[in-house]
N, C-alpha and C. Protein backbone atom coordinates (compact mmCIF):
# COMPACT_ATOMS: atom_id res chain seq x y z
N MET A 1 17.26 21.82 -10.73
CA MET A 1 16.29 20.96 -10.07
C MET A 1 16.99 19.78 -9.40
N TYR A 2 17.95 19.19 -10.12
CA TYR A 2 18.66 18.03 -9.59
C TYR A 2 19.44 18.41 -8.32
N LYS A 3 20.05 19.59 -8.32
CA LYS A 3 20.80 20.04 -7.15
C LYS A 3 19.88 20.23 -5.95
N ILE A 4 18.69 20.77 -6.20
CA ILE A 4 17.72 20.98 -5.12
C ILE A 4 17.31 19.64 -4.53
N LEU A 5 17.04 18.65 -5.41
CA LEU A 5 16.66 17.32 -4.93
C LEU A 5 17.79 16.67 -4.13
N LYS A 6 19.02 16.86 -4.56
CA LYS A 6 20.15 16.31 -3.81
C LYS A 6 20.26 16.95 -2.44
N ILE A 7 20.03 18.26 -2.37
CA ILE A 7 20.10 18.95 -1.08
C ILE A 7 18.97 18.49 -0.16
N VAL A 8 17.75 18.37 -0.70
CA VAL A 8 16.62 17.89 0.10
C VAL A 8 16.88 16.47 0.59
N ALA A 9 17.39 15.61 -0.29
CA ALA A 9 17.70 14.22 0.10
C ALA A 9 18.76 14.19 1.18
N ALA A 10 19.77 15.04 1.06
CA ALA A 10 20.83 15.08 2.07
C ALA A 10 20.29 15.56 3.41
N ILE A 11 19.45 16.58 3.40
CA ILE A 11 18.87 17.12 4.64
C ILE A 11 18.00 16.06 5.31
N LEU A 12 17.14 15.39 4.53
CA LEU A 12 16.28 14.35 5.11
C LEU A 12 17.10 13.17 5.61
N SER A 13 18.14 12.81 4.90
CA SER A 13 19.01 11.72 5.35
C SER A 13 19.71 12.08 6.65
N LEU A 14 20.24 13.29 6.72
CA LEU A 14 20.92 13.74 7.95
C LEU A 14 19.94 13.79 9.12
N ALA A 15 18.74 14.30 8.88
CA ALA A 15 17.74 14.36 9.94
C ALA A 15 17.37 12.94 10.39
N GLY A 16 17.20 12.03 9.46
CA GLY A 16 16.89 10.64 9.80
C GLY A 16 17.99 10.00 10.63
N ILE A 17 19.23 10.25 10.26
CA ILE A 17 20.36 9.69 11.02
C ILE A 17 20.40 10.25 12.42
N ILE A 18 20.20 11.56 12.56
CA ILE A 18 20.22 12.20 13.88
C ILE A 18 19.11 11.63 14.76
N PHE A 19 17.90 11.53 14.21
CA PHE A 19 16.78 11.01 15.00
C PHE A 19 16.96 9.53 15.33
N LEU A 20 17.57 8.77 14.42
CA LEU A 20 17.83 7.36 14.70
C LEU A 20 18.84 7.21 15.83
N VAL A 21 19.91 7.99 15.79
CA VAL A 21 20.91 7.94 16.87
C VAL A 21 20.28 8.31 18.20
N ARG A 22 19.40 9.31 18.17
CA ARG A 22 18.69 9.72 19.39
C ARG A 22 17.82 8.59 19.95
N ILE A 23 17.14 7.87 19.06
CA ILE A 23 16.29 6.75 19.48
C ILE A 23 17.15 5.63 20.05
N ILE A 24 18.24 5.31 19.36
CA ILE A 24 19.12 4.24 19.84
C ILE A 24 19.75 4.60 21.18
N ALA A 25 20.15 5.87 21.33
CA ALA A 25 20.76 6.31 22.58
C ALA A 25 19.78 6.25 23.74
N GLU A 26 18.51 6.49 23.46
CA GLU A 26 17.49 6.46 24.52
C GLU A 26 17.25 5.03 25.01
N GLY A 27 17.22 4.07 24.08
CA GLY A 27 17.01 2.68 24.46
C GLY A 27 15.55 2.26 24.34
N ASP A 28 15.35 0.96 24.26
CA ASP A 28 14.00 0.41 24.05
C ASP A 28 13.08 0.61 25.25
N GLU A 29 13.56 0.24 26.41
CA GLU A 29 12.70 0.25 27.59
C GLU A 29 12.20 1.64 27.96
N PRO A 30 13.08 2.66 28.00
CA PRO A 30 12.55 4.01 28.31
C PRO A 30 11.54 4.51 27.27
N ILE A 31 11.75 4.16 26.00
CA ILE A 31 10.81 4.59 24.96
C ILE A 31 9.48 3.89 25.14
N LYS A 32 9.51 2.58 25.44
CA LYS A 32 8.26 1.84 25.67
C LYS A 32 7.52 2.38 26.89
N ALA A 33 8.27 2.69 27.95
CA ALA A 33 7.65 3.21 29.16
C ALA A 33 7.02 4.58 28.90
N ALA A 34 7.73 5.43 28.16
CA ALA A 34 7.20 6.75 27.84
C ALA A 34 5.97 6.64 26.94
N ALA A 35 6.01 5.71 25.97
CA ALA A 35 4.88 5.53 25.06
C ALA A 35 3.66 5.01 25.80
N ALA A 36 3.87 4.19 26.82
CA ALA A 36 2.75 3.69 27.61
C ALA A 36 2.05 4.83 28.35
N ASN A 37 2.80 5.89 28.67
CA ASN A 37 2.23 7.07 29.32
C ASN A 37 1.75 8.11 28.32
N GLY A 38 1.84 7.79 27.02
CA GLY A 38 1.38 8.72 26.00
C GLY A 38 2.43 9.68 25.49
N ASP A 39 3.68 9.51 25.92
CA ASP A 39 4.75 10.41 25.50
C ASP A 39 5.54 9.74 24.37
N THR A 40 5.35 10.21 23.16
CA THR A 40 6.06 9.65 22.01
C THR A 40 7.00 10.67 21.38
N ALA A 41 7.45 11.62 22.17
CA ALA A 41 8.25 12.73 21.66
C ALA A 41 9.58 12.26 21.07
N ILE A 42 10.13 11.18 21.56
CA ILE A 42 11.43 10.73 21.05
C ILE A 42 11.29 10.09 19.67
N VAL A 43 10.14 9.50 19.38
CA VAL A 43 9.93 8.78 18.12
C VAL A 43 9.25 9.67 17.07
N ASP A 44 8.50 10.66 17.51
CA ASP A 44 7.72 11.49 16.59
C ASP A 44 8.54 12.16 15.48
N PRO A 45 9.72 12.75 15.79
CA PRO A 45 10.49 13.37 14.70
C PRO A 45 10.90 12.38 13.61
N MET A 46 11.25 11.15 14.01
CA MET A 46 11.62 10.14 13.03
C MET A 46 10.41 9.78 12.17
N ALA A 47 9.23 9.69 12.80
CA ALA A 47 8.01 9.39 12.05
C ALA A 47 7.69 10.51 11.06
N ILE A 48 7.90 11.75 11.46
CA ILE A 48 7.64 12.89 10.57
C ILE A 48 8.56 12.85 9.36
N VAL A 49 9.84 12.57 9.58
CA VAL A 49 10.79 12.44 8.46
C VAL A 49 10.35 11.31 7.53
N THR A 50 9.91 10.21 8.12
CA THR A 50 9.43 9.08 7.32
C THR A 50 8.22 9.47 6.49
N TYR A 51 7.28 10.18 7.08
CA TYR A 51 6.09 10.62 6.35
C TYR A 51 6.46 11.57 5.21
N ILE A 52 7.40 12.45 5.46
CA ILE A 52 7.84 13.39 4.41
C ILE A 52 8.47 12.62 3.25
N ILE A 53 9.35 11.68 3.57
CA ILE A 53 10.01 10.89 2.52
C ILE A 53 8.97 10.07 1.76
N PHE A 54 8.04 9.45 2.47
CA PHE A 54 6.99 8.67 1.83
C PHE A 54 6.13 9.55 0.91
N GLY A 55 5.74 10.72 1.41
CA GLY A 55 4.93 11.64 0.62
C GLY A 55 5.65 12.10 -0.64
N LEU A 56 6.93 12.47 -0.50
CA LEU A 56 7.70 12.89 -1.67
C LEU A 56 7.85 11.75 -2.68
N THR A 57 8.09 10.55 -2.18
CA THR A 57 8.22 9.40 -3.07
C THR A 57 6.94 9.16 -3.83
N MET A 58 5.80 9.19 -3.13
CA MET A 58 4.52 8.98 -3.80
C MET A 58 4.24 10.09 -4.81
N LEU A 59 4.60 11.31 -4.47
CA LEU A 59 4.39 12.44 -5.37
C LEU A 59 5.20 12.27 -6.65
N PHE A 60 6.47 11.90 -6.52
CA PHE A 60 7.31 11.70 -7.70
C PHE A 60 6.84 10.51 -8.53
N VAL A 61 6.48 9.42 -7.89
CA VAL A 61 5.98 8.26 -8.62
C VAL A 61 4.73 8.62 -9.40
N LEU A 62 3.79 9.28 -8.75
CA LEU A 62 2.55 9.67 -9.42
C LEU A 62 2.83 10.62 -10.58
N PHE A 63 3.72 11.58 -10.36
CA PHE A 63 4.05 12.55 -11.41
C PHE A 63 4.64 11.85 -12.63
N PHE A 64 5.63 10.97 -12.41
CA PHE A 64 6.29 10.35 -13.55
C PHE A 64 5.41 9.30 -14.22
N VAL A 65 4.55 8.63 -13.49
CA VAL A 65 3.61 7.70 -14.10
C VAL A 65 2.65 8.45 -15.00
N LEU A 66 2.07 9.53 -14.49
CA LEU A 66 1.14 10.32 -15.30
C LEU A 66 1.84 10.96 -16.49
N LYS A 67 3.05 11.45 -16.28
CA LYS A 67 3.82 12.04 -17.38
C LYS A 67 4.07 11.01 -18.46
N ASN A 68 4.46 9.80 -18.08
CA ASN A 68 4.72 8.75 -19.05
C ASN A 68 3.45 8.33 -19.76
N LEU A 69 2.34 8.26 -19.04
CA LEU A 69 1.08 7.87 -19.66
C LEU A 69 0.66 8.84 -20.75
N PHE A 70 0.81 10.13 -20.49
CA PHE A 70 0.33 11.12 -21.45
C PHE A 70 1.35 11.44 -22.54
N THR A 71 2.62 11.12 -22.33
CA THR A 71 3.60 11.31 -23.41
C THR A 71 3.68 10.07 -24.30
N ASN A 72 3.38 8.90 -23.74
CA ASN A 72 3.39 7.66 -24.50
C ASN A 72 1.95 7.15 -24.57
N THR A 73 1.19 7.67 -25.53
CA THR A 73 -0.24 7.36 -25.57
C THR A 73 -0.53 5.91 -25.93
N GLY A 74 0.44 5.20 -26.48
CA GLY A 74 0.24 3.79 -26.78
C GLY A 74 0.06 2.97 -25.52
N SER A 75 0.76 3.33 -24.49
CA SER A 75 0.64 2.59 -23.23
C SER A 75 -0.61 3.02 -22.45
N LEU A 76 -1.18 4.17 -22.80
CA LEU A 76 -2.38 4.64 -22.11
C LEU A 76 -3.54 3.69 -22.32
N LYS A 77 -3.68 3.17 -23.54
CA LYS A 77 -4.76 2.24 -23.83
C LYS A 77 -4.62 0.97 -22.99
N ASN A 78 -3.41 0.41 -22.93
CA ASN A 78 -3.18 -0.81 -22.14
C ASN A 78 -3.40 -0.55 -20.66
N THR A 79 -3.01 0.60 -20.18
CA THR A 79 -3.21 0.94 -18.77
C THR A 79 -4.70 1.03 -18.45
N LEU A 80 -5.45 1.68 -19.31
CA LEU A 80 -6.89 1.80 -19.08
C LEU A 80 -7.59 0.45 -19.15
N ILE A 81 -7.13 -0.43 -20.03
CA ILE A 81 -7.69 -1.79 -20.09
C ILE A 81 -7.40 -2.53 -18.78
N GLY A 82 -6.18 -2.40 -18.27
CA GLY A 82 -5.82 -3.05 -17.00
C GLY A 82 -6.63 -2.51 -15.83
N ILE A 83 -6.81 -1.21 -15.78
CA ILE A 83 -7.62 -0.59 -14.71
C ILE A 83 -9.07 -1.05 -14.82
N GLY A 84 -9.59 -1.09 -16.06
CA GLY A 84 -10.96 -1.54 -16.26
C GLY A 84 -11.15 -3.00 -15.84
N ALA A 85 -10.17 -3.84 -16.14
CA ALA A 85 -10.25 -5.25 -15.75
C ALA A 85 -10.23 -5.38 -14.23
N PHE A 86 -9.40 -4.58 -13.57
CA PHE A 86 -9.31 -4.63 -12.11
C PHE A 86 -10.63 -4.16 -11.48
N VAL A 87 -11.19 -3.10 -12.02
CA VAL A 87 -12.48 -2.60 -11.51
C VAL A 87 -13.57 -3.65 -11.73
N ALA A 88 -13.51 -4.34 -12.88
CA ALA A 88 -14.50 -5.40 -13.15
C ALA A 88 -14.38 -6.52 -12.13
N VAL A 89 -13.15 -6.89 -11.78
CA VAL A 89 -12.95 -7.93 -10.76
C VAL A 89 -13.53 -7.47 -9.43
N LEU A 90 -13.32 -6.21 -9.07
CA LEU A 90 -13.85 -5.70 -7.80
C LEU A 90 -15.37 -5.68 -7.80
N VAL A 91 -15.98 -5.30 -8.91
CA VAL A 91 -17.44 -5.28 -8.99
C VAL A 91 -18.00 -6.69 -8.90
N ILE A 92 -17.39 -7.63 -9.63
CA ILE A 92 -17.82 -9.03 -9.57
C ILE A 92 -17.71 -9.56 -8.15
N ALA A 93 -16.59 -9.26 -7.49
CA ALA A 93 -16.38 -9.74 -6.12
C ALA A 93 -17.42 -9.14 -5.18
N TYR A 94 -17.75 -7.88 -5.35
CA TYR A 94 -18.75 -7.24 -4.49
C TYR A 94 -20.12 -7.86 -4.70
N VAL A 95 -20.45 -8.15 -5.96
CA VAL A 95 -21.76 -8.74 -6.26
C VAL A 95 -21.85 -10.16 -5.69
N LEU A 96 -20.76 -10.91 -5.75
CA LEU A 96 -20.77 -12.29 -5.28
C LEU A 96 -20.76 -12.42 -3.76
N SER A 97 -20.26 -11.40 -3.07
CA SER A 97 -20.17 -11.50 -1.61
C SER A 97 -21.47 -11.04 -0.96
N ASN A 98 -21.65 -11.46 0.30
CA ASN A 98 -22.79 -10.96 1.07
C ASN A 98 -22.35 -10.78 2.51
N GLY A 99 -23.11 -10.03 3.24
CA GLY A 99 -22.75 -9.75 4.63
C GLY A 99 -23.68 -10.42 5.61
N SER A 100 -24.30 -11.48 5.18
CA SER A 100 -25.32 -12.11 6.03
C SER A 100 -24.74 -12.80 7.27
N ASP A 101 -23.46 -13.13 7.24
CA ASP A 101 -22.86 -13.82 8.38
C ASP A 101 -22.07 -12.87 9.27
N ALA A 102 -22.43 -11.61 9.29
CA ALA A 102 -21.69 -10.60 10.03
C ALA A 102 -21.65 -10.88 11.53
N ALA A 103 -22.70 -11.44 12.08
CA ALA A 103 -22.76 -11.67 13.53
C ALA A 103 -21.73 -12.72 13.98
N ASN A 104 -21.21 -13.51 13.06
CA ASN A 104 -20.22 -14.54 13.40
C ASN A 104 -18.84 -13.96 13.65
N TYR A 105 -18.59 -12.73 13.24
CA TYR A 105 -17.26 -12.15 13.32
C TYR A 105 -17.22 -11.07 14.38
N MET A 106 -16.26 -11.19 15.29
CA MET A 106 -16.12 -10.26 16.39
C MET A 106 -14.74 -9.60 16.34
N TYR A 107 -14.69 -8.36 16.77
CA TYR A 107 -13.42 -7.65 16.93
C TYR A 107 -13.51 -6.84 18.21
N ASN A 108 -12.65 -7.18 19.16
CA ASN A 108 -12.67 -6.55 20.49
C ASN A 108 -14.05 -6.65 21.14
N GLY A 109 -14.68 -7.79 20.95
CA GLY A 109 -15.96 -8.03 21.57
C GLY A 109 -17.15 -7.41 20.88
N VAL A 110 -16.93 -6.76 19.75
CA VAL A 110 -18.01 -6.11 19.01
C VAL A 110 -18.23 -6.86 17.71
N ALA A 111 -19.48 -7.19 17.42
CA ALA A 111 -19.80 -7.91 16.19
C ALA A 111 -19.61 -6.99 14.98
N ALA A 112 -19.17 -7.60 13.89
CA ALA A 112 -19.00 -6.84 12.66
C ALA A 112 -20.37 -6.45 12.10
N THR A 113 -20.39 -5.31 11.43
CA THR A 113 -21.63 -4.90 10.78
C THR A 113 -21.78 -5.65 9.46
N GLU A 114 -22.96 -5.60 8.90
CA GLU A 114 -23.20 -6.28 7.64
C GLU A 114 -22.34 -5.67 6.53
N THR A 115 -22.17 -4.37 6.55
CA THR A 115 -21.34 -3.70 5.54
C THR A 115 -19.88 -4.13 5.66
N GLU A 116 -19.37 -4.18 6.88
CA GLU A 116 -17.98 -4.61 7.09
C GLU A 116 -17.79 -6.04 6.60
N SER A 117 -18.73 -6.90 6.91
CA SER A 117 -18.64 -8.28 6.47
C SER A 117 -18.72 -8.39 4.95
N HIS A 118 -19.59 -7.58 4.36
CA HIS A 118 -19.75 -7.57 2.90
C HIS A 118 -18.44 -7.14 2.24
N MET A 119 -17.84 -6.08 2.73
CA MET A 119 -16.60 -5.57 2.15
C MET A 119 -15.44 -6.55 2.35
N ALA A 120 -15.35 -7.16 3.52
CA ALA A 120 -14.30 -8.14 3.77
C ALA A 120 -14.47 -9.34 2.84
N GLY A 121 -15.70 -9.79 2.68
CA GLY A 121 -15.97 -10.90 1.77
C GLY A 121 -15.63 -10.54 0.34
N ALA A 122 -15.96 -9.33 -0.07
CA ALA A 122 -15.64 -8.88 -1.43
C ALA A 122 -14.12 -8.84 -1.62
N GLY A 123 -13.40 -8.37 -0.61
CA GLY A 123 -11.94 -8.34 -0.71
C GLY A 123 -11.35 -9.73 -0.85
N LEU A 124 -11.87 -10.67 -0.09
CA LEU A 124 -11.38 -12.05 -0.19
C LEU A 124 -11.69 -12.66 -1.55
N ILE A 125 -12.90 -12.44 -2.04
CA ILE A 125 -13.27 -12.99 -3.34
C ILE A 125 -12.41 -12.36 -4.44
N ALA A 126 -12.18 -11.05 -4.37
CA ALA A 126 -11.31 -10.39 -5.35
C ALA A 126 -9.90 -10.97 -5.29
N PHE A 127 -9.41 -11.21 -4.09
CA PHE A 127 -8.08 -11.82 -3.91
C PHE A 127 -8.04 -13.18 -4.58
N TYR A 128 -9.06 -14.00 -4.35
CA TYR A 128 -9.10 -15.34 -4.95
C TYR A 128 -9.15 -15.26 -6.48
N ILE A 129 -9.95 -14.35 -7.01
CA ILE A 129 -10.04 -14.20 -8.46
C ILE A 129 -8.68 -13.80 -9.03
N LEU A 130 -8.01 -12.85 -8.39
CA LEU A 130 -6.72 -12.37 -8.88
C LEU A 130 -5.64 -13.45 -8.76
N ILE A 131 -5.69 -14.25 -7.69
CA ILE A 131 -4.73 -15.35 -7.54
C ILE A 131 -4.92 -16.37 -8.66
N ILE A 132 -6.17 -16.72 -8.93
CA ILE A 132 -6.46 -17.68 -9.99
C ILE A 132 -6.02 -17.12 -11.35
N ALA A 133 -6.27 -15.83 -11.58
CA ALA A 133 -5.86 -15.21 -12.84
C ALA A 133 -4.34 -15.19 -12.97
N ALA A 134 -3.63 -14.90 -11.89
CA ALA A 134 -2.17 -14.89 -11.93
C ALA A 134 -1.62 -16.29 -12.19
N ALA A 135 -2.17 -17.30 -11.51
CA ALA A 135 -1.71 -18.67 -11.73
C ALA A 135 -2.00 -19.11 -13.16
N ALA A 136 -3.20 -18.78 -13.66
CA ALA A 136 -3.55 -19.17 -15.02
C ALA A 136 -2.64 -18.50 -16.05
N SER A 137 -2.30 -17.24 -15.82
CA SER A 137 -1.42 -16.56 -16.76
C SER A 137 -0.01 -17.13 -16.72
N MET A 138 0.46 -17.54 -15.55
CA MET A 138 1.79 -18.17 -15.46
C MET A 138 1.79 -19.52 -16.15
N ILE A 139 0.74 -20.29 -15.95
CA ILE A 139 0.64 -21.60 -16.61
C ILE A 139 0.55 -21.40 -18.12
N TRP A 140 -0.28 -20.45 -18.56
CA TRP A 140 -0.42 -20.17 -19.98
C TRP A 140 0.91 -19.78 -20.60
N ALA A 141 1.66 -18.89 -19.93
CA ALA A 141 2.95 -18.46 -20.44
C ALA A 141 3.93 -19.63 -20.51
N GLY A 142 3.91 -20.48 -19.50
CA GLY A 142 4.79 -21.65 -19.50
C GLY A 142 4.46 -22.62 -20.62
N VAL A 143 3.18 -22.90 -20.83
CA VAL A 143 2.76 -23.80 -21.90
C VAL A 143 3.10 -23.20 -23.26
N LYS A 144 2.85 -21.91 -23.40
CA LYS A 144 3.14 -21.23 -24.67
C LYS A 144 4.63 -21.26 -24.97
N LYS A 145 5.47 -21.08 -23.94
CA LYS A 145 6.91 -21.10 -24.14
C LYS A 145 7.40 -22.49 -24.51
N MET A 146 6.79 -23.54 -23.90
CA MET A 146 7.21 -24.92 -24.19
C MET A 146 6.79 -25.33 -25.60
N THR A 147 5.67 -24.82 -26.07
CA THR A 147 5.18 -25.25 -27.38
C THR A 147 5.77 -24.44 -28.53
N SER A 148 6.41 -23.33 -28.26
CA SER A 148 6.96 -22.54 -29.37
C SER A 148 8.44 -22.76 -29.56
């Protein structure tokens, strides 16, 4: 298995290097001009290699995370508690936000819908809650370390 992964990594690396040299040899201006006309053929192979590497990385990360969770059941409880807390923050943020001010927000001359505004507001509120929680946990850890 390890040999196969080394061969796949070598092939993807070689393909990436070849496509990168091709892009550099072509130059910025011709690529921009071709892209303006809808021709992205020079960049597409590099993007495909990138997508393959990204997909394989995500696949391996997901596999090993799930493998570790089910082989080390002690950490499964803590992981589920963390996921539950995160979902709770998202639900609280969604309940606290509203989309009533959707008409105030424009994108390319089109007003945002109430749903879009509601979701954006929920995302911001969740961000604020998580920032406050992170700051509080850092302060708590610092105080606890100073007092012990």
